[in-house]
PDB file of N, CA and C in Angstrom:
ATOM      1  N   MET A   1       0.827  -1.170  -0.047  1.00  0.00           N
ATOM      2  CA  MET A   1       0.013  -0.001  -0.026  1.00  0.00           C
ATOM      3  C   MET A   1       0.911   1.214  -0.030  1.00  0.00           C
ATOM      4  N   ALA A   2       0.512   2.099  -0.724  1.00  0.00           N
ATOM      5  CA  ALA A   2       1.285   3.492  -0.753  1.00  0.00           C
ATOM      6  C   ALA A   2       1.175   4.147   0.489  1.00  0.00           C
ATOM      7  N   SER A   3       2.289   4.904   0.673  1.00  0.00           N
ATOM      8  CA  SER A   3       2.529   5.576   2.018  1.00  0.00           C
ATOM      9  C   SER A   3       1.372   6.712   2.103  1.00  0.00           C
ATOM     10  N   VAL A   4       0.806   6.788   3.270  1.00  0.00           N
ATOM     11  CA  VAL A   4      -0.178   7.852   3.523  1.00  0.00           C
ATOM     12  C   VAL A   4       0.599   8.881   4.448  1.00  0.00           C
ATOM     13  N   THR A   5       0.319  10.166   4.032  1.00  0.00           N
ATOM     14  CA  THR A   5       1.087  11.189   4.723  1.00  0.00           C
ATOM     15  C   THR A   5       0.040  11.997   5.400  1.00  0.00           C
ATOM     16  N   ARG A   6       0.539  12.825   6.428  1.00  0.00           N
ATOM     17  CA  ARG A   6      -0.395  13.899   6.986  1.00  0.00           C
ATOM     18  C   ARG A   6      -0.955  14.776   5.960  1.00  0.00           C
ATOM     19  N   GLU A   7      -0.254  15.070   5.026  1.00  0.00           N
ATOM     20  CA  GLU A   7      -0.638  16.001   3.867  1.00  0.00           C
ATOM     21  C   GLU A   7      -1.922  15.332   3.157  1.00  0.00           C
ATOM     22  N   THR A   8      -1.773  13.994   2.993  1.00  0.00           N
ATOM     23  CA  THR A   8      -2.891  13.235   2.279  1.00  0.00           C
ATOM     24  C   THR A   8      -4.217  13.299   3.258  1.00  0.00           C
ATOM     25  N   LEU A   9      -3.938  13.168   4.533  1.00  0.00           N
ATOM     26  CA  LEU A   9      -4.990  13.226   5.534  1.00  0.00           C
ATOM     27  C   LEU A   9      -5.649  14.707   5.505  1.00  0.00           C
ATOM     28  N   ALA A  10      -4.853  15.740   5.395  1.00  0.00           N
ATOM     29  CA  ALA A  10      -5.304  17.057   5.266  1.00  0.00           C
ATOM     30  C   ALA A  10      -6.158  17.341   4.131  1.00  0.00           C
ATOM     31  N   ILE A  11      -5.787  16.905   2.976  1.00  0.00           N
ATOM     32  CA  ILE A  11      -6.443  16.984   1.748  1.00  0.00           C
ATOM     33  C   ILE A  11      -7.815  16.424   1.733  1.00  0.00           C
ATOM     34  N   ILE A  12      -7.903  15.117   2.255  1.00  0.00           N
ATOM     35  CA  ILE A  12      -9.094  14.422   2.335  1.00  0.00           C
ATOM     36  C   ILE A  12      -9.996  15.086   3.405  1.00  0.00           C
ATOM     37  N   ASP A  13      -9.396  15.443   4.517  1.00  0.00           N
ATOM     38  CA  ASP A  13     -10.254  16.010   5.551  1.00  0.00           C
ATOM     39  C   ASP A  13     -10.847  17.315   5.027  1.00  0.00           C
ATOM     40  N   ARG A  14     -10.109  18.125   4.326  1.00  0.00           N
ATOM     41  CA  ARG A  14     -10.645  19.384   3.784  1.00  0.00           C
ATOM     42  C   ARG A  14     -11.707  19.068   2.742  1.00  0.00           C
ATOM     43  N   LEU A  15     -11.528  18.194   1.841  1.00  0.00           N
ATOM     44  CA  LEU A  15     -12.647  17.651   0.874  1.00  0.00           C
ATOM     45  C   LEU A  15     -13.898  17.302   1.650  1.00  0.00           C
ATOM     46  N   MET A  16     -13.688  16.520   2.652  1.00  0.00           N
ATOM     47  CA  MET A  16     -14.871  16.045   3.405  1.00  0.00           C
ATOM     48  C   MET A  16     -15.613  17.178   4.189  1.00  0.00           C
ATOM     49  N   LEU A  17     -14.806  18.084   4.683  1.00  0.00           N
ATOM     50  CA  LEU A  17     -15.416  19.235   5.332  1.00  0.00           C
ATOM     51  C   LEU A  17     -16.233  20.065   4.465  1.00  0.00           C
ATOM     52  N   GLU A  18     -15.687  20.229   3.206  1.00  0.00           N
ATOM     53  CA  GLU A  18     -16.298  21.029   2.199  1.00  0.00           C
ATOM     54  C   GLU A  18     -17.713  20.315   1.817  1.00  0.00           C
ATOM     55  N   LEU A  19     -17.652  19.027   1.602  1.00  0.00           N
ATOM     56  CA  LEU A  19     -18.879  18.261   1.323  1.00  0.00           C
ATOM     57  C   LEU A  19     -19.986  18.459   2.357  1.00  0.00           C
ATOM     58  N   VAL A  20     -19.451  18.316   3.621  1.00  0.00           N
ATOM     59  CA  VAL A  20     -20.352  18.518   4.870  1.00  0.00           C
ATOM     60  C   VAL A  20     -21.108  19.889   4.901  1.00  0.00           C
ATOM     61  N   GLU A  21     -20.058  20.860   4.745  1.00  0.00           N
ATOM     62  CA  GLU A  21     -20.631  22.333   4.738  1.00  0.00           C
ATOM     63  C   GLU A  21     -21.632  22.502   3.579  1.00  0.00           C
ATOM     64  N   TYR A  22     -21.311  22.063   2.464  1.00  0.00           N
ATOM     65  CA  TYR A  22     -22.204  22.283   1.335  1.00  0.00           C
ATOM     66  C   TYR A  22     -23.557  21.662   1.705  1.00  0.00           C
ATOM     67  N   GLN A  23     -23.602  20.405   2.169  1.00  0.00           N
ATOM     68  CA  GLN A  23     -24.803  19.735   2.429  1.00  0.00           C
ATOM     69  C   GLN A  23     -25.541  20.343   3.604  1.00  0.00           C
ATOM     70  N   GLU A  24     -24.835  20.804   4.685  1.00  0.00           N
ATOM     71  CA  GLU A  24     -25.395  21.589   5.796  1.00  0.00           C
ATOM     72  C   GLU A  24     -26.207  22.709   5.311  1.00  0.00           C
ATOM     73  N   ASN A  25     -25.608  23.488   4.423  1.00  0.00           N
ATOM     74  CA  ASN A  25     -26.259  24.663   3.845  1.00  0.00           C
ATOM     75  C   ASN A  25     -27.470  24.351   3.068  1.00  0.00           C
ATOM     76  N   LYS A  26     -27.315  23.301   2.364  1.00  0.00           N
ATOM     77  CA  LYS A  26     -28.555  22.800   1.483  1.00  0.00           C
ATOM     78  C   LYS A  26     -29.682  22.329   2.322  1.00  0.00           C
ATOM     79  N   VAL A  27     -29.370  21.631   3.367  1.00  0.00           N
ATOM     80  CA  VAL A  27     -30.381  21.148   4.332  1.00  0.00           C
ATOM     81  C   VAL A  27     -31.048  22.223   5.096  1.00  0.00           C
ATOM     82  N   LEU A  28     -30.330  23.308   5.493  1.00  0.00           N
ATOM     83  CA  LEU A  28     -30.749  24.381   6.319  1.00  0.00           C
ATOM     84  C   LEU A  28     -31.683  25.227   5.330  1.00  0.00           C
ATOM     85  N   ALA A  29     -31.233  25.414   4.194  1.00  0.00           N
ATOM     86  CA  ALA A  29     -32.021  26.258   3.131  1.00  0.00           C
ATOM     87  C   ALA A  29     -33.350  25.545   2.837  1.00  0.00           C
ATOM     88  N   MET A  30     -33.266  24.298   2.731  1.00  0.00           N
ATOM     89  CA  MET A  30     -34.591  23.509   2.410  1.00  0.00           C
ATOM     90  C   MET A  30     -35.471  23.603   3.525  1.00  0.00           C
ATOM     91  N   ALA A  31     -34.869  23.367   4.785  1.00  0.00           N
ATOM     92  CA  ALA A  31     -35.696  23.414   6.021  1.00  0.00           C
ATOM     93  C   ALA A  31     -36.398  24.816   6.165  1.00  0.00           C
ATOM     94  N   ARG A  32     -35.627  25.877   5.873  1.00  0.00           N
ATOM     95  CA  ARG A  32     -36.333  27.156   6.032  1.00  0.00           C
ATOM     96  C   ARG A  32     -37.371  27.443   4.928  1.00  0.00           C
ATOM     97  N   ARG A  33     -37.247  26.795   3.762  1.00  0.00           N
ATOM     98  CA  ARG A  33     -38.366  26.841   2.764  1.00  0.00           C
ATOM     99  C   ARG A  33     -39.595  26.129   3.292  1.00  0.00           C
ATOM    100  N   ILE A  34     -39.339  25.118   3.887  1.00  0.00           N
ATOM    101  CA  ILE A  34     -40.401  24.224   4.487  1.00  0.00           C
ATOM    102  C   ILE A  34     -41.020  24.860   5.766  1.00  0.00           C
ATOM    103  N   HIS A  35     -40.199  25.307   6.599  1.00  0.00           N
ATOM    104  CA  HIS A  35     -40.613  25.932   7.863  1.00  0.00           C
ATOM    105  C   HIS A  35     -39.688  27.170   8.120  1.00  0.00           C
ATOM    106  N   PRO A  36     -40.342  28.249   7.676  1.00  0.00           N
ATOM    107  CA  PRO A  36     -39.483  29.554   7.809  1.00  0.00           C
ATOM    108  C   PRO A  36     -39.073  29.765   9.283  1.00  0.00           C
ATOM    109  N   GLY A  37     -37.878  30.301   9.553  1.00  0.00           N
ATOM    110  CA  GLY A  37     -37.375  30.622  10.826  1.00  0.00           C
ATOM    111  C   GLY A  37     -36.631  29.621  11.593  1.00  0.00           C
ATOM    112  N   VAL A  38     -36.539  28.317  10.999  1.00  0.00           N
ATOM    113  CA  VAL A  38     -35.772  27.378  11.806  1.00  0.00           C
ATOM    114  C   VAL A  38     -34.292  27.732  11.661  1.00  0.00           C
ATOM    115  N   THR A  39     -33.597  27.321  12.769  1.00  0.00           N
ATOM    116  CA  THR A  39     -32.210  27.496  12.827  1.00  0.00           C
ATOM    117  C   THR A  39     -31.436  26.182  12.651  1.00  0.00           C
ATOM    118  N   ALA A  40     -30.101  26.347  12.437  1.00  0.00           N
ATOM    119  CA  ALA A  40     -29.261  25.212  12.293  1.00  0.00           C
ATOM    120  C   ALA A  40     -29.402  24.252  13.570  1.00  0.00           C
ATOM    121  N   GLU A  41     -29.549  24.884  14.728  1.00  0.00           N
ATOM    122  CA  GLU A  41     -29.792  24.083  15.830  1.00  0.00           C
ATOM    123  C   GLU A  41     -31.020  23.281  15.843  1.00  0.00           C
ATOM    124  N   ASP A  42     -32.132  23.888  15.440  1.00  0.00           N
ATOM    125  CA  ASP A  42     -33.601  23.414  15.346  1.00  0.00           C
ATOM    126  C   ASP A  42     -33.507  22.178  14.435  1.00  0.00           C
ATOM    127  N   ILE A  43     -32.676  22.196  13.358  1.00  0.00           N
ATOM    128  CA  ILE A  43     -32.853  21.021  12.462  1.00  0.00           C
ATOM    129  C   ILE A  43     -32.078  19.796  12.957  1.00  0.00           C
ATOM    130  N   ARG A  44     -31.406  19.841  14.169  1.00  0.00           N
ATOM    131  CA  ARG A  44     -30.712  18.829  14.687  1.00  0.00           C
ATOM    132  C   ARG A  44     -31.821  18.051  15.463  1.00  0.00           C
ATOM    133  N   ASN A  45     -32.930  18.626  15.693  1.00  0.00           N
ATOM    134  CA  ASN A  45     -34.083  17.860  16.325  1.00  0.00           C
ATOM    135  C   ASN A  45     -35.327  18.004  15.456  1.00  0.00           C
ATOM    136  N   PRO A  46     -35.336  17.387  14.329  1.00  0.00           N
ATOM    137  CA  PRO A  46     -36.415  17.617  13.304  1.00  0.00           C
ATOM    138  C   PRO A  46     -37.832  17.029  13.821  1.00  0.00           C
ATOM    139  N   HIS A  47     -37.745  16.174  14.892  1.00  0.00           N
ATOM    140  CA  HIS A  47     -39.001  15.633  15.433  1.00  0.00           C
ATOM    141  C   HIS A  47     -39.887  16.823  16.042  1.00  0.00           C
ATOM    142  N   ASP A  48     -39.198  17.893  16.338  1.00  0.00           N
ATOM    143  CA  ASP A  48     -39.830  19.023  17.000  1.00  0.00           C
ATOM    144  C   ASP A  48     -40.660  19.798  15.912  1.00  0.00           C
ATOM    145  N   PHE A  49     -40.328  19.542  14.613  1.00  0.00           N
ATOM    146  CA  PHE A  49     -41.026  20.196  13.472  1.00  0.00           C
ATOM    147  C   PHE A  49     -41.713  19.300  12.539  1.00  0.00           C
ATOM    148  N   PRO A  50     -42.957  19.028  12.725  1.00  0.00           N
ATOM    149  CA  PRO A  50     -43.610  17.961  11.867  1.00  0.00           C
ATOM    150  C   PRO A  50     -43.459  18.297  10.394  1.00  0.00           C
ATOM    151  N   ALA A  51     -43.357  19.479   9.974  1.00  0.00           N
ATOM    152  CA  ALA A  51     -43.311  19.806   8.533  1.00  0.00           C
ATOM    153  C   ALA A  51     -41.948  19.313   8.032  1.00  0.00           C
ATOM    154  N   LEU A  52     -40.866  19.352   8.872  1.00  0.00           N
ATOM    155  CA  LEU A  52     -39.641  18.729   8.431  1.00  0.00           C
ATOM    156  C   LEU A  52     -39.650  17.206   8.659  1.00  0.00           C
ATOM    157  N   ARG A  53     -40.113  16.745   9.655  1.00  0.00           N
ATOM    158  CA  ARG A  53     -40.148  15.363  10.037  1.00  0.00           C
ATOM    159  C   ARG A  53     -40.880  14.501   8.932  1.00  0.00           C
ATOM    160  N   ASP A  54     -41.939  15.051   8.375  1.00  0.00           N
ATOM    161  CA  ASP A  54     -42.830  14.343   7.431  1.00  0.00           C
ATOM    162  C   ASP A  54     -42.490  14.702   6.053  1.00  0.00           C
ATOM    163  N   ASN A  55     -41.307  15.454   5.790  1.00  0.00           N
ATOM    164  CA  ASN A  55     -41.073  15.812   4.336  1.00  0.00           C
ATOM    165  C   ASN A  55     -39.973  14.805   3.802  1.00  0.00           C
ATOM    166  N   PRO A  56     -40.419  14.015   2.859  1.00  0.00           N
ATOM    167  CA  PRO A  56     -39.345  12.960   2.444  1.00  0.00           C
ATOM    168  C   PRO A  56     -38.219  13.543   1.689  1.00  0.00           C
ATOM    169  N   GLU A  57     -38.412  14.648   0.981  1.00  0.00           N
ATOM    170  CA  GLU A  57     -37.227  15.282   0.261  1.00  0.00           C
ATOM    171  C   GLU A  57     -36.219  15.787   1.381  1.00  0.00           C
ATOM    172  N   TRP A  58     -36.667  16.480   2.297  1.00  0.00           N
ATOM    173  CA  TRP A  58     -35.897  16.966   3.437  1.00  0.00           C
ATOM    174  C   TRP A  58     -35.168  15.844   4.116  1.00  0.00           C
ATOM    175  N   ASN A  59     -35.873  14.858   4.435  1.00  0.00           N
ATOM    176  CA  ASN A  59     -35.190  13.612   5.116  1.00  0.00           C
ATOM    177  C   ASN A  59     -34.199  12.979   4.209  1.00  0.00           C
ATOM    178  N   PHE A  60     -34.403  12.940   3.021  1.00  0.00           N
ATOM    179  CA  PHE A  60     -33.472  12.331   2.056  1.00  0.00           C
ATOM    180  C   PHE A  60     -32.108  13.210   2.145  1.00  0.00           C
ATOM    181  N   GLU A  61     -32.281  14.548   2.010  1.00  0.00           N
ATOM    182  CA  GLU A  61     -31.079  15.467   1.962  1.00  0.00           C
ATOM    183  C   GLU A  61     -30.422  15.405   3.438  1.00  0.00           C
ATOM    184  N   ASP A  62     -31.085  15.316   4.536  1.00  0.00           N
ATOM    185  CA  ASP A  62     -30.547  15.247   5.761  1.00  0.00           C
ATOM    186  C   ASP A  62     -29.806  13.930   6.012  1.00  0.00           C
ATOM    187  N   GLY A  63     -30.326  12.758   5.303  1.00  0.00           N
ATOM    188  CA  GLY A  63     -29.661  11.477   5.252  1.00  0.00           C
ATOM    189  C   GLY A  63     -28.381  11.588   4.614  1.00  0.00           C
ATOM    190  N   ILE A  64     -28.258  12.322   3.460  1.00  0.00           N
ATOM    191  CA  ILE A  64     -26.992  12.520   2.792  1.00  0.00           C
ATOM    192  C   ILE A  64     -26.037  13.181   3.712  1.00  0.00           C
ATOM    193  N   LEU A  65     -26.440  14.202   4.414  1.00  0.00           N
ATOM    194  CA  LEU A  65     -25.672  14.917   5.441  1.00  0.00           C
ATOM    195  C   LEU A  65     -25.115  14.004   6.416  1.00  0.00           C
ATOM    196  N   SER A  66     -25.970  13.180   6.948  1.00  0.00           N
ATOM    197  CA  SER A  66     -25.504  12.076   8.028  1.00  0.00           C
ATOM    198  C   SER A  66     -24.417  11.149   7.412  1.00  0.00           C
ATOM    199  N   GLY A  67     -24.632  10.843   6.180  1.00  0.00           N
ATOM    200  CA  GLY A  67     -23.693   9.920   5.493  1.00  0.00           C
ATOM    201  C   GLY A  67     -22.390  10.499   5.293  1.00  0.00           C
ATOM    202  N   TYR A  68     -22.371  11.741   4.862  1.00  0.00           N
ATOM    203  CA  TYR A  68     -21.074  12.569   4.635  1.00  0.00           C
ATOM    204  C   TYR A  68     -20.358  12.705   5.992  1.00  0.00           C
ATOM    205  N   LYS A  69     -21.105  12.992   7.063  1.00  0.00           N
ATOM    206  CA  LYS A  69     -20.479  13.083   8.453  1.00  0.00           C
ATOM    207  C   LYS A  69     -19.881  11.805   8.890  1.00  0.00           C
ATOM    208  N   SER A  70     -20.618  10.608   8.691  1.00  0.00           N
ATOM    209  CA  SER A  70     -20.132   9.396   9.049  1.00  0.00           C
ATOM    210  C   SER A  70     -18.898   9.006   8.194  1.00  0.00           C
ATOM    211  N   ALA A  71     -18.940   9.184   6.879  1.00  0.00           N
ATOM    212  CA  ALA A  71     -17.826   8.852   6.038  1.00  0.00           C
ATOM    213  C   ALA A  71     -16.580   9.658   6.358  1.00  0.00           C
ATOM    214  N   HIS A  72     -16.779  10.885   6.714  1.00  0.00           N
ATOM    215  CA  HIS A  72     -15.619  11.750   7.207  1.00  0.00           C
ATOM    216  C   HIS A  72     -14.960  11.109   8.406  1.00  0.00           C
ATOM    217  N   MET A  73     -15.766  10.763   9.346  1.00  0.00           N
ATOM    218  CA  MET A  73     -15.098  10.255  10.635  1.00  0.00           C
ATOM    219  C   MET A  73     -14.470   9.019  10.323  1.00  0.00           C
ATOM    220  N   ALA A  74     -15.014   8.172   9.519  1.00  0.00           N
ATOM    221  CA  ALA A  74     -14.630   6.826   9.164  1.00  0.00           C
ATOM    222  C   ALA A  74     -13.111   7.046   8.457  1.00  0.00           C
ATOM    223  N   LEU A  75     -13.190   7.896   7.460  1.00  0.00           N
ATOM    224  CA  LEU A  75     -11.945   8.075   6.814  1.00  0.00           C
ATOM    225  C   LEU A  75     -10.902   8.558   7.495  1.00  0.00           C
ATOM    226  N   ARG A  76     -11.213   9.688   8.356  1.00  0.00           N
ATOM    227  CA  ARG A  76     -10.191  10.214   9.436  1.00  0.00           C
ATOM    228  C   ARG A  76      -9.581   9.141  10.275  1.00  0.00           C
ATOM    229  N   ALA A  77     -10.397   8.266  10.864  1.00  0.00           N
ATOM    230  CA  ALA A  77     -10.039   7.269  11.720  1.00  0.00           C
ATOM    231  C   ALA A  77      -9.047   6.278  11.033  1.00  0.00           C
ATOM    232  N   LYS A  78      -9.424   5.746   9.886  1.00  0.00           N
ATOM    233  CA  LYS A  78      -8.657   4.952   9.067  1.00  0.00           C
ATOM    234  C   LYS A  78      -7.174   5.385   8.688  1.00  0.00           C
ATOM    235  N   LEU A  79      -7.264   6.661   8.154  1.00  0.00           N
ATOM    236  CA  LEU A  79      -6.115   7.319   7.783  1.00  0.00           C
ATOM    237  C   LEU A  79      -5.124   7.635   8.896  1.00  0.00           C
ATOM    238  N   LEU A  80      -5.695   7.997  10.085  1.00  0.00           N
ATOM    239  CA  LEU A  80      -4.916   8.093  11.240  1.00  0.00           C
ATOM    240  C   LEU A  80      -4.119   6.766  11.695  1.00  0.00           C
ATOM    241  N   GLU A  81      -4.951   5.614  11.549  1.00  0.00           N
ATOM    242  CA  GLU A  81      -4.353   4.305  11.854  1.00  0.00           C
ATOM    243  C   GLU A  81      -3.166   4.086  10.858  1.00  0.00           C
ATOM    244  N   LEU A  82      -3.299   4.527   9.644  1.00  0.00           N
ATOM    245  CA  LEU A  82      -2.328   4.243   8.668  1.00  0.00           C
ATOM    246  C   LEU A  82      -1.040   5.055   8.871  1.00  0.00           C
ATOM    247  N   ILE A  83      -1.193   6.313   9.444  1.00  0.00           N
ATOM    248  CA  ILE A  83      -0.123   7.221   9.571  1.00  0.00           C
ATOM    249  C   ILE A  83       0.631   6.876  10.810  1.00  0.00           C
ATOM    250  N   ASP A  84      -0.017   6.443  11.885  1.00  0.00           N
ATOM    251  CA  ASP A  84       0.645   6.129  13.191  1.00  0.00           C
ATOM    252  C   ASP A  84       1.507   4.895  13.037  1.00  0.00           C
TER     253      ASP A  84
END
């Protein structure tokens, strides 16, 4: 296996953070169209907002965000294993 460097980790980490940020903004914008006035904190608890909870499109986009966050953490953990 090719050598993994801290620079490689930093590049992957930045890319994943960009994906997460893009999707967070998309999810928040969609949430605000569905339920005006919700905050980023509010959408962490969508069960408090039936219009969000019951919207399949919003749930789909929120699921993508969760997947990006999970993938980011998994990649970071694996790369740190390889570096150490």
